[in-house]
Amino acid sequence: MVNPVLTFDHVHLLSQDPVAAAKWYAEKLGGEIMATTEVRGAPQVLVRFQGATIIIRGQRTGESAGDKSGLQWGVDHFGFQVSSDFDGYCDRLKRNGVAFSLDPVDFGPDLRIAFIQAPDGVSIELLHRKA
């Protein structure tokens, strides 16, 4: 079997308030809101970043979702690579009210990381590869 060439397309998030969450991703992280629609009875907002999209949707009729209460099996976080001044970018996020669960730290000789808290219990890793 020939292996397909895969490229990353999107992350799909569930939100109590998808419009407010999308605004957070746009205002705090610089994403661009591309579309606001309704899909299968739930609001859905697409936020685009360079090379990836975050799809944020609300609760559908008949669905039940709960708050995250810490570490769970499945997706733990997703990451954004910061290509320029990592610490300066993190400082700007802090001044803009973004909460950090891990301040910038070296994670080996060639990698610097931090973790931020996004709406709806989403954890995002910011990383900068030094090499």
N, C-alpha and C. Protein backbone atom coordinates (compact mmCIF):
# COMPACT_ATOMS: atom_id res chain seq x y z
N MET A 1 0.83 -1.18 0.00
CA MET A 1 0.00 0.00 0.00
C MET A 1 0.88 1.25 0.00
N VAL A 2 0.57 2.18 -0.84
CA VAL A 2 1.30 3.44 -0.90
C VAL A 2 0.81 4.34 0.23
N ASN A 3 1.74 4.92 0.96
CA ASN A 3 1.36 5.83 2.04
C ASN A 3 0.93 7.17 1.48
N PRO A 4 -0.22 7.67 1.91
CA PRO A 4 -0.65 8.97 1.42
C PRO A 4 0.20 10.08 2.05
N VAL A 5 0.28 11.19 1.36
CA VAL A 5 0.96 12.35 1.91
C VAL A 5 -0.08 13.14 2.70
N LEU A 6 0.15 13.28 3.98
CA LEU A 6 -0.80 13.97 4.83
C LEU A 6 -0.28 15.36 5.17
N THR A 7 -1.17 16.31 5.16
CA THR A 7 -0.87 17.65 5.65
C THR A 7 -1.93 18.00 6.68
N PHE A 8 -1.54 18.77 7.68
CA PHE A 8 -2.46 19.13 8.73
C PHE A 8 -3.51 20.09 8.19
N ASP A 9 -4.77 19.88 8.59
CA ASP A 9 -5.85 20.72 8.10
C ASP A 9 -6.51 21.54 9.20
N HIS A 10 -7.03 20.88 10.26
CA HIS A 10 -7.74 21.65 11.28
C HIS A 10 -7.81 20.92 12.62
N VAL A 11 -8.16 21.71 13.63
CA VAL A 11 -8.53 21.21 14.95
C VAL A 11 -9.99 21.60 15.12
N HIS A 12 -10.79 20.68 15.65
CA HIS A 12 -12.22 20.94 15.84
C HIS A 12 -12.50 20.98 17.34
N LEU A 13 -12.96 22.13 17.81
CA LEU A 13 -13.21 22.32 19.23
C LEU A 13 -14.69 22.47 19.50
N LEU A 14 -15.13 22.04 20.68
CA LEU A 14 -16.49 22.28 21.16
C LEU A 14 -16.44 23.42 22.15
N SER A 15 -17.41 24.32 22.07
CA SER A 15 -17.40 25.49 22.92
C SER A 15 -18.79 25.82 23.43
N GLN A 16 -18.85 26.30 24.67
CA GLN A 16 -20.11 26.78 25.22
C GLN A 16 -20.56 28.04 24.49
N ASP A 17 -19.61 28.83 24.01
CA ASP A 17 -19.90 30.07 23.28
C ASP A 17 -18.91 30.19 22.12
N PRO A 18 -19.21 29.54 20.98
CA PRO A 18 -18.24 29.50 19.89
C PRO A 18 -17.88 30.87 19.33
N VAL A 19 -18.82 31.80 19.32
CA VAL A 19 -18.53 33.14 18.79
C VAL A 19 -17.52 33.84 19.69
N ALA A 20 -17.74 33.79 21.00
CA ALA A 20 -16.81 34.41 21.94
C ALA A 20 -15.44 33.72 21.90
N ALA A 21 -15.43 32.39 21.79
CA ALA A 21 -14.16 31.67 21.71
C ALA A 21 -13.40 32.06 20.44
N ALA A 22 -14.10 32.15 19.33
CA ALA A 22 -13.46 32.54 18.07
C ALA A 22 -12.87 33.94 18.18
N LYS A 23 -13.59 34.85 18.81
CA LYS A 23 -13.07 36.20 19.01
C LYS A 23 -11.80 36.16 19.85
N TRP A 24 -11.75 35.29 20.86
CA TRP A 24 -10.54 35.16 21.68
C TRP A 24 -9.36 34.74 20.81
N TYR A 25 -9.54 33.71 19.98
CA TYR A 25 -8.46 33.23 19.12
C TYR A 25 -8.02 34.31 18.13
N ALA A 26 -8.96 35.11 17.65
CA ALA A 26 -8.62 36.19 16.73
C ALA A 26 -7.91 37.33 17.45
N GLU A 27 -8.47 37.78 18.55
CA GLU A 27 -7.92 38.94 19.25
C GLU A 27 -6.63 38.64 19.99
N LYS A 28 -6.55 37.50 20.65
CA LYS A 28 -5.37 37.19 21.47
C LYS A 28 -4.23 36.59 20.66
N LEU A 29 -4.56 35.72 19.68
CA LEU A 29 -3.51 34.99 18.97
C LEU A 29 -3.34 35.42 17.52
N GLY A 30 -4.21 36.31 17.03
CA GLY A 30 -4.04 36.81 15.68
C GLY A 30 -4.66 35.98 14.57
N GLY A 31 -5.58 35.09 14.93
CA GLY A 31 -6.28 34.33 13.89
C GLY A 31 -7.27 35.21 13.15
N GLU A 32 -7.73 34.72 12.02
CA GLU A 32 -8.69 35.46 11.20
C GLU A 32 -10.00 34.66 11.14
N ILE A 33 -11.09 35.28 11.58
CA ILE A 33 -12.39 34.61 11.51
C ILE A 33 -12.81 34.59 10.05
N MET A 34 -12.97 33.38 9.51
CA MET A 34 -13.25 33.20 8.09
C MET A 34 -14.74 33.00 7.80
N ALA A 35 -15.45 32.38 8.70
CA ALA A 35 -16.87 32.10 8.46
C ALA A 35 -17.57 31.80 9.77
N THR A 36 -18.82 32.20 9.84
CA THR A 36 -19.70 31.84 10.95
C THR A 36 -20.94 31.23 10.32
N THR A 37 -21.21 29.97 10.63
CA THR A 37 -22.32 29.26 10.00
C THR A 37 -23.08 28.45 11.05
N GLU A 38 -24.08 27.74 10.59
CA GLU A 38 -24.76 26.76 11.42
C GLU A 38 -24.64 25.42 10.71
N VAL A 39 -24.17 24.42 11.44
CA VAL A 39 -24.00 23.09 10.88
C VAL A 39 -24.71 22.09 11.78
N ARG A 40 -25.67 21.38 11.22
CA ARG A 40 -26.43 20.37 11.95
C ARG A 40 -26.99 20.92 13.27
N GLY A 41 -27.51 22.13 13.19
CA GLY A 41 -28.19 22.73 14.33
C GLY A 41 -27.31 23.41 15.35
N ALA A 42 -26.02 23.56 15.07
CA ALA A 42 -25.12 24.20 16.03
C ALA A 42 -24.32 25.31 15.35
N PRO A 43 -24.09 26.41 16.04
CA PRO A 43 -23.23 27.45 15.47
C PRO A 43 -21.82 26.91 15.30
N GLN A 44 -21.16 27.38 14.23
CA GLN A 44 -19.80 26.93 13.95
C GLN A 44 -19.02 28.11 13.38
N VAL A 45 -17.82 28.32 13.90
CA VAL A 45 -16.98 29.44 13.46
C VAL A 45 -15.62 28.89 13.05
N LEU A 46 -15.13 29.33 11.90
CA LEU A 46 -13.81 28.92 11.41
C LEU A 46 -12.83 30.06 11.63
N VAL A 47 -11.72 29.74 12.31
CA VAL A 47 -10.66 30.71 12.56
C VAL A 47 -9.40 30.19 11.88
N ARG A 48 -8.84 30.98 10.99
CA ARG A 48 -7.68 30.54 10.23
C ARG A 48 -6.40 31.17 10.76
N PHE A 49 -5.40 30.32 10.82
CA PHE A 49 -4.03 30.73 11.13
C PHE A 49 -3.19 30.31 9.94
N GLN A 50 -2.00 30.80 9.85
CA GLN A 50 -1.13 30.41 8.75
C GLN A 50 -0.95 28.90 8.74
N GLY A 51 -1.50 28.23 7.75
CA GLY A 51 -1.31 26.80 7.60
C GLY A 51 -2.29 25.90 8.34
N ALA A 52 -3.22 26.45 9.12
CA ALA A 52 -4.15 25.60 9.86
C ALA A 52 -5.43 26.37 10.17
N THR A 53 -6.47 25.63 10.46
CA THR A 53 -7.76 26.21 10.81
C THR A 53 -8.23 25.60 12.13
N ILE A 54 -8.85 26.43 12.96
CA ILE A 54 -9.53 25.95 14.14
C ILE A 54 -11.02 26.10 13.87
N ILE A 55 -11.75 24.99 13.96
CA ILE A 55 -13.20 25.01 13.80
C ILE A 55 -13.78 24.94 15.21
N ILE A 56 -14.61 25.91 15.55
CA ILE A 56 -15.19 25.97 16.89
C ILE A 56 -16.70 25.87 16.74
N ARG A 57 -17.28 24.84 17.34
CA ARG A 57 -18.72 24.70 17.22
C ARG A 57 -19.38 24.59 18.58
N GLY A 58 -20.63 24.96 18.59
CA GLY A 58 -21.43 24.88 19.80
C GLY A 58 -22.10 23.53 19.93
N GLN A 59 -22.94 23.44 20.93
CA GLN A 59 -23.63 22.19 21.25
C GLN A 59 -24.81 21.99 20.31
N ARG A 60 -24.94 20.78 19.81
CA ARG A 60 -26.07 20.42 18.96
C ARG A 60 -27.24 19.98 19.83
N THR A 61 -28.42 20.06 19.30
CA THR A 61 -29.61 19.59 20.01
C THR A 61 -29.42 18.12 20.38
N GLY A 62 -29.66 17.84 21.64
CA GLY A 62 -29.55 16.46 22.11
C GLY A 62 -28.17 16.08 22.59
N GLU A 63 -27.17 16.92 22.37
CA GLU A 63 -25.82 16.61 22.85
C GLU A 63 -25.65 17.06 24.30
N SER A 64 -24.71 16.44 24.97
CA SER A 64 -24.38 16.83 26.33
C SER A 64 -22.86 16.87 26.44
N ALA A 65 -22.34 18.02 26.83
CA ALA A 65 -20.89 18.17 27.01
C ALA A 65 -20.62 18.66 28.41
N GLY A 66 -19.49 18.26 28.96
CA GLY A 66 -19.12 18.69 30.31
C GLY A 66 -17.83 19.48 30.30
N ASP A 67 -17.58 20.19 31.38
CA ASP A 67 -16.35 20.94 31.53
C ASP A 67 -15.18 19.99 31.71
N LYS A 68 -14.00 20.41 31.23
CA LYS A 68 -12.79 19.63 31.46
C LYS A 68 -12.36 19.79 32.90
N SER A 69 -11.93 18.71 33.49
CA SER A 69 -11.55 18.76 34.90
C SER A 69 -10.10 18.36 35.12
N GLY A 70 -9.28 18.51 34.11
CA GLY A 70 -7.86 18.14 34.25
C GLY A 70 -7.46 17.15 33.18
N LEU A 71 -6.42 16.40 33.48
CA LEU A 71 -5.85 15.46 32.53
C LEU A 71 -6.86 14.38 32.17
N GLN A 72 -7.05 14.16 30.86
CA GLN A 72 -7.98 13.16 30.37
C GLN A 72 -7.32 12.40 29.23
N TRP A 73 -7.79 11.18 28.97
CA TRP A 73 -7.30 10.43 27.81
C TRP A 73 -7.74 11.15 26.55
N GLY A 74 -6.96 11.02 25.52
CA GLY A 74 -7.29 11.68 24.24
C GLY A 74 -6.37 12.88 24.03
N VAL A 75 -6.83 13.82 23.29
CA VAL A 75 -6.02 15.00 22.97
C VAL A 75 -5.75 15.79 24.25
N ASP A 76 -4.49 16.06 24.50
CA ASP A 76 -4.10 16.84 25.68
C ASP A 76 -3.97 18.33 25.33
N HIS A 77 -3.37 18.62 24.19
CA HIS A 77 -3.17 20.01 23.77
C HIS A 77 -2.82 20.00 22.29
N PHE A 78 -2.80 21.19 21.71
CA PHE A 78 -2.21 21.34 20.38
C PHE A 78 -1.21 22.46 20.45
N GLY A 79 -0.34 22.57 19.45
CA GLY A 79 0.75 23.53 19.53
C GLY A 79 0.84 24.45 18.33
N PHE A 80 1.30 25.66 18.61
CA PHE A 80 1.63 26.64 17.58
C PHE A 80 3.12 26.92 17.67
N GLN A 81 3.79 26.90 16.53
CA GLN A 81 5.20 27.26 16.50
C GLN A 81 5.31 28.76 16.31
N VAL A 82 6.12 29.40 17.13
CA VAL A 82 6.39 30.84 17.04
C VAL A 82 7.72 30.99 16.32
N SER A 83 7.71 31.67 15.18
CA SER A 83 8.90 31.70 14.34
C SER A 83 9.85 32.85 14.67
N SER A 84 9.40 33.83 15.44
CA SER A 84 10.28 34.98 15.71
C SER A 84 10.58 35.07 17.21
N ASP A 85 10.61 36.25 17.75
CA ASP A 85 10.97 36.53 19.14
C ASP A 85 9.98 35.86 20.11
N PHE A 86 10.33 34.67 20.56
CA PHE A 86 9.42 33.86 21.39
C PHE A 86 9.06 34.56 22.69
N ASP A 87 10.07 35.00 23.44
CA ASP A 87 9.79 35.62 24.74
C ASP A 87 9.04 36.94 24.57
N GLY A 88 9.36 37.70 23.54
CA GLY A 88 8.63 38.93 23.27
C GLY A 88 7.18 38.66 22.94
N TYR A 89 6.93 37.61 22.16
CA TYR A 89 5.55 37.23 21.83
C TYR A 89 4.79 36.82 23.09
N CYS A 90 5.42 36.02 23.93
CA CYS A 90 4.78 35.59 25.18
C CYS A 90 4.50 36.79 26.08
N ASP A 91 5.42 37.73 26.15
CA ASP A 91 5.20 38.95 26.95
C ASP A 91 4.00 39.73 26.42
N ARG A 92 3.86 39.85 25.11
CA ARG A 92 2.71 40.55 24.52
C ARG A 92 1.41 39.84 24.86
N LEU A 93 1.41 38.50 24.82
CA LEU A 93 0.21 37.75 25.19
C LEU A 93 -0.17 38.03 26.64
N LYS A 94 0.82 38.02 27.53
CA LYS A 94 0.55 38.28 28.95
C LYS A 94 -0.05 39.68 29.13
N ARG A 95 0.52 40.67 28.45
CA ARG A 95 -0.01 42.03 28.55
C ARG A 95 -1.42 42.12 28.00
N ASN A 96 -1.76 41.20 27.10
CA ASN A 96 -3.09 41.17 26.48
C ASN A 96 -4.06 40.27 27.26
N GLY A 97 -3.65 39.83 28.46
CA GLY A 97 -4.55 39.09 29.34
C GLY A 97 -4.59 37.59 29.14
N VAL A 98 -3.68 37.02 28.37
CA VAL A 98 -3.65 35.57 28.17
C VAL A 98 -3.02 34.91 29.39
N ALA A 99 -3.69 33.90 29.93
CA ALA A 99 -3.18 33.17 31.10
C ALA A 99 -2.22 32.07 30.67
N PHE A 100 -1.11 31.98 31.35
CA PHE A 100 -0.10 30.96 31.08
C PHE A 100 -0.18 29.89 32.17
N SER A 101 -0.22 28.63 31.75
CA SER A 101 -0.12 27.53 32.71
C SER A 101 1.33 27.09 32.86
N LEU A 102 2.19 27.46 31.90
CA LEU A 102 3.63 27.25 31.99
C LEU A 102 4.30 28.43 31.30
N ASP A 103 5.06 29.20 32.07
CA ASP A 103 5.80 30.32 31.50
C ASP A 103 6.90 29.78 30.58
N PRO A 104 7.42 30.62 29.69
CA PRO A 104 8.47 30.17 28.76
C PRO A 104 9.63 29.51 29.50
N VAL A 105 10.03 28.37 28.97
CA VAL A 105 11.11 27.60 29.58
C VAL A 105 11.85 26.83 28.48
N ASP A 106 13.15 26.63 28.67
CA ASP A 106 13.91 25.79 27.74
C ASP A 106 13.53 24.34 27.99
N PHE A 107 13.25 23.63 26.90
CA PHE A 107 12.86 22.23 26.97
C PHE A 107 13.86 21.44 26.15
N GLY A 108 15.11 21.59 26.49
CA GLY A 108 16.20 21.00 25.74
C GLY A 108 17.01 22.12 25.10
N PRO A 109 18.13 21.76 24.50
CA PRO A 109 19.02 22.79 23.97
C PRO A 109 18.47 23.56 22.77
N ASP A 110 17.55 22.97 22.03
CA ASP A 110 17.07 23.60 20.80
C ASP A 110 15.59 23.95 20.81
N LEU A 111 14.95 23.86 21.98
CA LEU A 111 13.50 24.07 22.03
C LEU A 111 13.12 24.88 23.26
N ARG A 112 12.29 25.89 23.05
CA ARG A 112 11.74 26.70 24.14
C ARG A 112 10.22 26.58 24.02
N ILE A 113 9.53 26.35 25.15
CA ILE A 113 8.08 26.15 25.12
C ILE A 113 7.39 26.98 26.20
N ALA A 114 6.09 27.12 26.05
CA ALA A 114 5.21 27.70 27.06
C ALA A 114 3.83 27.10 26.80
N PHE A 115 2.95 27.14 27.80
CA PHE A 115 1.56 26.69 27.64
C PHE A 115 0.62 27.81 28.04
N ILE A 116 -0.41 28.02 27.23
CA ILE A 116 -1.42 29.03 27.54
C ILE A 116 -2.78 28.36 27.68
N GLN A 117 -3.67 29.07 28.39
CA GLN A 117 -5.02 28.57 28.61
C GLN A 117 -5.97 29.31 27.68
N ALA A 118 -6.69 28.55 26.87
CA ALA A 118 -7.66 29.11 25.93
C ALA A 118 -9.07 28.85 26.47
N PRO A 119 -10.08 29.43 25.86
CA PRO A 119 -11.45 29.17 26.32
C PRO A 119 -11.81 27.68 26.33
N ASP A 120 -12.77 27.33 27.16
CA ASP A 120 -13.35 25.98 27.22
C ASP A 120 -12.36 24.92 27.66
N GLY A 121 -11.36 25.30 28.46
CA GLY A 121 -10.41 24.33 28.99
C GLY A 121 -9.38 23.85 28.00
N VAL A 122 -9.22 24.53 26.86
CA VAL A 122 -8.25 24.13 25.84
C VAL A 122 -6.85 24.59 26.26
N SER A 123 -5.90 23.69 26.15
CA SER A 123 -4.50 23.98 26.44
C SER A 123 -3.73 24.07 25.13
N ILE A 124 -2.94 25.15 24.99
CA ILE A 124 -2.17 25.36 23.76
C ILE A 124 -0.70 25.49 24.12
N GLU A 125 0.13 24.72 23.43
CA GLU A 125 1.57 24.83 23.59
C GLU A 125 2.09 25.82 22.56
N LEU A 126 2.91 26.73 23.01
CA LEU A 126 3.65 27.60 22.12
C LEU A 126 5.08 27.09 22.12
N LEU A 127 5.70 26.99 20.95
CA LEU A 127 7.05 26.47 20.92
C LEU A 127 7.90 27.23 19.92
N HIS A 128 9.18 27.27 20.23
CA HIS A 128 10.16 27.93 19.34
C HIS A 128 11.37 27.02 19.22
N ARG A 129 11.62 26.59 18.00
CA ARG A 129 12.78 25.74 17.72
C ARG A 129 13.96 26.66 17.42
N LYS A 130 15.02 26.53 18.21
CA LYS A 130 16.15 27.43 18.11
C LYS A 130 17.05 27.11 16.92
N ALA A 131 17.06 25.86 16.50
CA ALA A 131 17.98 25.47 15.42
C ALA A 131 17.42 25.80 14.06
